[in-house]
Protein backbone atom coordinates (compact mmCIF):
# COMPACT_ATOMS: atom_id res chain seq x y z
CA MET A 1 14.76 0.54 -16.79
CA LEU A 2 16.45 3.23 -18.83
CA ILE A 3 18.11 6.19 -17.15
CA GLN A 4 16.93 9.42 -18.81
CA SER A 5 18.81 12.04 -16.82
CA GLY A 6 21.11 12.20 -13.82
CA THR A 7 22.83 9.28 -12.11
CA LEU A 8 21.29 6.33 -10.28
CA ARG A 9 23.45 4.80 -7.53
CA THR A 10 23.25 1.82 -5.23
CA GLY A 11 21.65 2.91 -1.97
CA ASP A 12 19.39 5.59 -3.60
CA ILE A 13 15.71 5.71 -2.50
CA VAL A 14 13.48 5.56 -5.63
CA VAL A 15 9.78 5.75 -6.45
CA ALA A 16 8.26 4.21 -9.62
CA GLY A 17 4.48 4.46 -9.98
CA ALA A 18 3.04 2.77 -6.86
CA ALA A 19 6.36 1.03 -6.08
CA TRP A 20 9.28 2.28 -3.98
CA GLY A 21 12.40 1.01 -2.33
CA LYS A 22 16.09 1.33 -1.72
CA VAL A 23 18.39 0.33 -4.57
CA ARG A 24 20.15 -2.84 -3.33
CA ALA A 25 21.86 -3.62 -6.66
CA LEU A 26 22.13 -2.43 -10.24
CA VAL A 27 22.65 -4.97 -13.05
CA ALA A 28 23.84 -3.80 -16.46
CA ASP A 29 22.53 -5.32 -19.72
CA ASN A 30 25.60 -7.58 -19.89
CA GLY A 31 24.74 -9.10 -16.51
CA ALA A 32 27.51 -7.34 -14.55
CA ARG A 33 26.69 -5.50 -11.31
CA VAL A 34 27.47 -1.83 -11.35
CA GLU A 35 27.55 0.82 -8.60
CA GLU A 36 25.91 3.54 -10.70
CA ALA A 37 24.29 4.18 -14.06
CA GLY A 38 24.00 7.36 -16.11
CA PRO A 39 21.79 8.68 -18.90
CA SER A 40 20.79 6.20 -21.70
CA GLU A 41 22.17 3.28 -19.69
CA PRO A 42 19.64 0.40 -19.32
CA VAL A 43 19.90 -1.36 -15.98
CA GLU A 44 17.93 -3.85 -13.89
CA LEU A 45 17.12 -2.47 -10.42
CA LEU A 46 16.75 -4.68 -7.34
CA GLY A 47 15.12 -3.46 -4.16
CA LEU A 48 11.58 -2.21 -4.97
CA ASN A 49 8.73 -3.44 -2.77
CA GLN A 50 6.79 -4.49 -5.90
CA ALA A 51 7.16 -4.56 -9.69
CA PRO A 52 6.16 -1.25 -11.30
CA SER A 53 3.98 -1.18 -14.41
CA ALA A 54 5.51 -0.88 -17.86
CA GLY A 55 5.93 2.83 -18.72
CA ASP A 56 6.12 4.07 -15.10
CA GLU A 57 8.69 6.80 -14.58
CA PHE A 58 11.02 6.43 -11.63
CA THR A 59 12.44 9.23 -9.49
CA VAL A 60 15.13 9.36 -6.83
CA VAL A 61 13.94 10.97 -3.49
CA ASP A 62 15.81 12.03 -0.39
CA SER A 63 14.24 9.64 2.18
CA GLU A 64 12.10 6.60 2.73
CA GLY A 65 9.47 8.77 4.40
CA ARG A 66 9.21 10.94 1.32
CA ALA A 67 8.88 7.81 -0.89
CA ARG A 68 6.02 6.44 1.27
CA GLU A 69 4.30 9.80 1.18
CA ILE A 70 4.41 9.98 -2.63
CA VAL A 71 3.24 6.36 -3.07
CA GLU A 72 0.34 6.84 -0.56
CA TYR A 73 -0.73 10.03 -2.39
CA ARG A 74 -0.74 8.18 -5.72
CA GLN A 75 -2.74 5.34 -4.23
CA ARG A 76 -5.31 7.80 -2.85
CA LYS A 77 -5.63 9.48 -6.26
CA GLU A 78 -6.11 6.10 -7.95
CA ARG A 79 -8.81 5.12 -5.45
CA ASP A 80 -10.57 8.44 -5.98
CA ARG A 81 -10.39 8.01 -9.76
CA ILE A 82 -11.88 4.54 -9.53
CA ASN A 83 -14.68 5.52 -7.18
CA THR A 84 -15.61 8.73 -9.03
CA PRO A 85 -18.42 8.19 -11.57
CA VAL A 86 -17.43 8.97 -15.12
CA ALA A 87 -19.04 12.10 -16.51
CA LYS A 88 -21.72 11.33 -19.09
CA SER A 89 -23.39 13.37 -21.79
CA LEU A 90 -27.17 13.85 -21.76
CA ASP A 91 -27.46 11.50 -24.78
CA GLN A 92 -25.55 8.80 -22.90
CA LEU A 93 -27.66 9.28 -19.80
CA MET A 94 -30.88 9.03 -21.82
CA SER A 95 -29.66 5.93 -23.60
CA GLN A 96 -28.72 4.25 -20.29
CA LEU A 97 -32.08 5.16 -18.77
CA LYS A 98 -33.80 3.39 -21.68
CA GLU A 99 -31.50 0.37 -21.89
CA GLY A 100 -30.46 0.02 -18.22
CA GLU A 101 -27.07 0.81 -16.71
CA ARG A 102 -24.34 -1.56 -17.85
CA LYS A 103 -23.10 -3.68 -14.94
CA GLU A 104 -19.41 -4.00 -14.24
CA VAL A 105 -17.21 -6.63 -12.62
CA PRO A 106 -14.22 -4.81 -11.04
CA VAL A 107 -10.98 -6.85 -10.77
CA LEU A 108 -7.29 -6.32 -10.13
CA VAL A 109 -4.83 -8.42 -12.11
CA LYS A 110 -1.34 -9.41 -11.01
CA ALA A 111 0.75 -11.72 -13.18
CA ASP A 112 4.26 -13.19 -13.41
CA VAL A 113 5.17 -11.36 -16.66
CA GLN A 114 3.81 -8.50 -18.71
CA GLY A 115 2.75 -10.78 -21.53
CA SER A 116 0.53 -12.81 -19.24
CA SER A 117 -1.05 -9.67 -17.82
CA GLU A 118 -1.79 -8.31 -21.26
CA ALA A 119 -3.25 -11.64 -22.42
CA ILE A 120 -5.55 -11.83 -19.39
CA ILE A 121 -6.77 -8.27 -19.80
CA ALA A 122 -7.49 -8.85 -23.53
CA ALA A 123 -9.45 -12.03 -22.77
CA LEU A 124 -11.50 -10.34 -20.04
CA GLU A 125 -12.30 -7.26 -22.12
CA LYS A 126 -13.32 -9.47 -25.05
CA MET A 127 -16.17 -10.93 -22.97
CA GLY A 128 -17.88 -7.56 -22.42
CA THR A 129 -21.39 -6.97 -23.70
CA ASP A 130 -23.87 -4.08 -23.68
CA GLU A 131 -25.15 -5.37 -20.31
CA VAL A 132 -22.09 -6.44 -18.40
CA ALA A 133 -18.32 -5.94 -18.70
CA VAL A 134 -15.06 -6.37 -16.75
CA ARG A 135 -13.45 -3.22 -15.33
CA VAL A 136 -9.72 -3.71 -14.65
CA LEU A 137 -8.84 -1.44 -11.76
CA HIS A 138 -5.12 -2.09 -12.04
CA ALA A 139 -2.83 -4.60 -13.75
CA GLY A 140 0.75 -5.23 -12.80
CA VAL A 141 3.62 -7.64 -12.70
CA GLY A 142 4.83 -9.25 -9.47
CA GLY A 143 3.36 -10.60 -6.25
CA VAL A 144 0.23 -9.28 -4.56
CA THR A 145 1.10 -6.42 -2.17
CA GLU A 146 -0.61 -4.42 0.54
CA SER A 147 -1.29 -1.59 -1.89
CA ASP A 148 -3.16 -4.06 -4.15
CA VAL A 149 -5.31 -5.11 -1.27
CA THR A 150 -6.00 -1.49 -0.24
CA LEU A 151 -7.13 -0.67 -3.77
CA CYS A 152 -9.48 -3.63 -3.96
CA SER A 153 -10.89 -3.08 -0.48
CA ALA A 154 -12.09 0.40 -1.55
CA SER A 155 -13.70 -1.01 -4.69
CA ASP A 156 -15.10 -4.40 -3.54
CA ALA A 157 -13.00 -6.18 -6.20
CA PRO A 158 -11.21 -9.52 -6.11
CA ILE A 159 -7.55 -9.88 -6.90
CA LEU A 160 -6.73 -12.29 -9.79
CA ALA A 161 -3.22 -13.60 -9.20
CA PHE A 162 -1.69 -15.51 -12.13
CA ASN A 163 1.44 -17.49 -11.30
CA VAL A 164 2.21 -15.14 -8.41
CA ARG A 165 1.47 -15.16 -4.68
CA ALA A 166 0.64 -12.65 -1.98
CA ASN A 167 3.29 -11.74 0.61
CA ALA A 168 2.45 -12.32 4.30
CA PRO A 169 1.37 -8.74 5.12
CA ALA A 170 -0.88 -8.65 2.04
CA ARG A 171 -2.48 -12.01 3.01
CA GLN A 172 -3.20 -10.77 6.52
CA MET A 173 -4.62 -7.48 5.25
CA ALA A 174 -6.79 -9.34 2.69
CA GLU A 175 -8.18 -11.57 5.41
CA ARG A 176 -8.87 -8.66 7.69
CA ASP A 177 -10.50 -6.53 4.98
CA GLN A 178 -12.29 -9.51 3.38
CA VAL A 179 -10.63 -9.03 0.01
CA GLU A 180 -10.67 -12.24 -2.05
CA ILE A 181 -7.42 -13.29 -3.69
CA ARG A 182 -7.90 -15.98 -6.40
CA TYR A 183 -4.81 -17.83 -7.53
CA TYR A 184 -4.45 -19.28 -11.03
CA ASN A 185 -1.88 -20.96 -13.24
CA VAL A 186 -4.09 -21.49 -16.29
CA ILE A 187 -5.52 -18.40 -18.03
CA TYR A 188 -8.60 -20.33 -19.21
CA ASP A 189 -9.56 -21.15 -15.63
CA LEU A 190 -9.34 -17.47 -14.68
CA VAL A 191 -11.45 -16.41 -17.67
CA ASP A 192 -14.05 -19.09 -16.98
CA ASP A 193 -14.49 -17.97 -13.37
CA ILE A 194 -15.02 -14.35 -14.35
CA LYS A 195 -17.30 -15.43 -17.17
CA ALA A 196 -19.50 -17.26 -14.65
CA VAL A 197 -19.68 -14.10 -12.51
CA MET A 198 -20.66 -12.00 -15.51
CA GLU A 199 -23.32 -14.48 -16.57
CA GLY A 200 -24.79 -14.41 -13.10
CA MET A 201 -25.31 -10.64 -13.51
CA LEU A 202 -27.29 -10.95 -16.72
CA ALA A 203 -31.02 -10.52 -16.41
CA PRO A 204 -32.65 -13.91 -16.99
CA THR A 205 -35.00 -14.67 -19.82
CA LEU A 206 -38.63 -15.28 -18.74
CA ARG A 207 -40.52 -17.84 -20.81
CA GLU A 208 -44.28 -18.08 -20.41
CA THR A 209 -46.17 -21.36 -20.98
CA PHE A 210 -49.97 -21.45 -21.28
CA LEU A 211 -51.61 -24.19 -19.16
CA GLY A 212 -55.34 -23.66 -19.49
CA ASN A 213 -58.50 -21.56 -19.11
CA ALA A 214 -61.32 -21.74 -16.54
CA GLU A 215 -64.77 -20.09 -16.70
CA ILE A 216 -66.30 -18.76 -13.50
CA LEU A 217 -69.82 -20.24 -13.09
CA GLN A 218 -70.55 -19.12 -9.53
CA VAL A 219 -69.08 -16.89 -6.82
CA PHE A 220 -69.21 -17.91 -3.16
CA ASN A 221 -68.39 -15.95 0.01
CA ILE A 222 -66.47 -18.29 2.35
CA THR A 223 -65.59 -17.33 5.90
CA LYS A 224 -61.84 -16.72 6.42
CA THR A 225 -61.22 -17.33 2.69
CA GLY A 226 -63.26 -14.56 1.11
CA ARG A 227 -64.72 -14.74 -2.41
CA VAL A 228 -64.21 -18.12 -4.11
CA ALA A 229 -64.86 -18.70 -7.79
CA GLY A 230 -66.69 -21.88 -8.69
CA CYS A 231 -65.10 -22.77 -12.04
CA ARG A 232 -65.06 -25.31 -14.86
CA ILE A 233 -61.77 -25.94 -16.63
CA SER A 234 -62.67 -25.28 -20.25
CA GLU A 235 -59.22 -25.90 -21.72
CA GLY A 236 -55.97 -27.48 -20.56
CA MET A 237 -55.47 -27.67 -16.80
CA ALA A 238 -55.10 -25.60 -13.61
CA LYS A 239 -52.18 -25.91 -11.24
CA ARG A 240 -52.04 -24.63 -7.66
CA SER A 241 -48.51 -23.37 -8.10
CA ALA A 242 -49.16 -21.58 -11.39
CA LYS A 243 -49.76 -17.89 -12.09
CA VAL A 244 -53.19 -16.62 -13.21
CA ARG A 245 -54.80 -13.78 -15.09
CA LEU A 246 -58.39 -12.63 -14.56
CA ILE A 247 -60.01 -11.67 -17.84
CA ARG A 248 -63.27 -9.74 -18.09
CA ASP A 249 -64.79 -8.85 -21.49
CA SER A 250 -61.50 -9.83 -23.15
CA VAL A 251 -59.54 -7.43 -20.94
CA VAL A 252 -56.96 -8.51 -18.36
CA ILE A 253 -57.97 -6.85 -15.08
CA HIS A 254 -55.66 -8.74 -12.65
CA GLU A 255 -52.52 -10.88 -12.62
CA GLY A 256 -51.46 -12.84 -9.59
CA THR A 257 -51.44 -16.21 -7.89
CA LEU A 258 -54.02 -18.51 -6.36
CA SER A 259 -54.52 -18.78 -2.60
CA THR A 260 -56.57 -21.94 -3.00
CA LEU A 261 -57.39 -24.60 -5.58
CA ARG A 262 -60.08 -27.04 -4.39
CA ARG A 263 -61.88 -29.98 -5.85
CA PHE A 264 -65.02 -30.59 -3.70
CA LYS A 265 -63.60 -29.95 -0.18
CA ASP A 266 -60.02 -31.05 -0.79
CA GLU A 267 -57.06 -28.82 -1.67
CA VAL A 268 -55.53 -30.25 -4.84
CA LYS A 269 -52.40 -29.60 -6.93
CA GLU A 270 -54.07 -29.94 -10.36
CA VAL A 271 -57.47 -29.90 -12.00
CA HIS A 272 -57.95 -30.99 -15.63
CA ALA A 273 -60.24 -29.99 -18.56
CA GLY A 274 -63.94 -30.71 -18.01
CA GLN A 275 -63.65 -30.79 -14.24
CA GLU A 276 -65.08 -28.27 -11.80
CA CYS A 277 -63.14 -26.66 -8.97
CA GLY A 278 -62.99 -23.73 -6.58
CA MET A 279 -60.38 -21.02 -6.94
CA ALA A 280 -59.50 -17.99 -4.83
CA PHE A 281 -56.99 -15.27 -5.65
CA GLU A 282 -54.20 -14.16 -3.40
CA ASN A 283 -55.10 -10.66 -2.09
CA TYR A 284 -57.80 -10.03 -4.69
CA GLN A 285 -61.60 -10.25 -4.38
CA ASP A 286 -63.17 -8.59 -7.44
CA ILE A 287 -64.38 -11.67 -9.36
CA GLN A 288 -67.66 -12.09 -11.24
CA VAL A 289 -69.63 -14.82 -12.96
CA GLY A 290 -68.59 -15.02 -16.62
CA ASP A 291 -64.96 -13.97 -15.95
CA VAL A 292 -62.28 -16.16 -17.47
CA ILE A 293 -59.21 -17.31 -15.53
CA GLU A 294 -56.10 -17.92 -17.62
CA ILE A 295 -53.59 -20.24 -16.00
CA TYR A 296 -49.90 -20.06 -16.99
CA GLU A 297 -46.37 -20.77 -15.80
CA VAL A 298 -43.28 -18.58 -16.11
CA GLU A 299 -39.92 -20.30 -16.49
CA THR A 300 -36.77 -18.40 -15.58
CA ILE A 301 -33.93 -19.25 -17.95
CA ALA A 302 -30.36 -18.26 -17.11
CA ARG A 303 -28.60 -16.49 -19.95
CA THR A 304 -25.00 -16.93 -21.13
CA LEU A 305 -22.56 -14.52 -22.74
CA ASP A 306 -22.52 -16.72 -25.79
CA ALA A 307 -26.28 -16.56 -26.35
């Protein structure tokens, strides 16, 4: 850190961002330990409870109690900022109503060095699409601390720890608050895990496959079953597990599933073209002679970010 004004001495209580501590030692840029440092003198400070983020300003305070008070206030402000919805214009709101709200994967990143942290954030942000994106709540250098766990607990976010570990109090708090800490030593593994989470949030593609048509020749009233259509499969096949559409005068009047598919008196899984069968709809009774039943299947296909 670089002293901008005043004098920093060994034993001072300092606050830097969300970090605080008592100065145990000051190391000059030549590696020598010094008792104090003045303006424009770069020094390495030992004694903070965690590594501050690059660009954080540090301040000397008069007591440890005051330092804790400042850090707790900053943590509350950060949690409020994260949990407060971002104000949107009417145009943005209308666009999102039409397209669907973009889903977010909140994470907190802790890494061994600033370069690793920046590389991870860049890789995560690059994967974002119009439907889903990563939201980095906080990124810092150093081990996982209690303040990290507190932040993630309020946001239901996992902690991604790259080449660092959580201290004992942080591990205990994470276990108590059910905050997941994932440890990595390869950036690609971290990115692949988050990519899998993001892909799981994408709405799947639904692919419809036509199976066949059946013409209703007769309608029977069966006790406990209700109205049953006596049909002939005119094209393709019918499957008990498939979905169906009821078509009357070329207009679809119902979509649903079958409650029964019978051949003679037996419940069957399939009936093929040219064969006759009995069909009944699940929770639907308005069927007539001359109606056509279209049988089809819907396949759910998981999407990927690369598609």
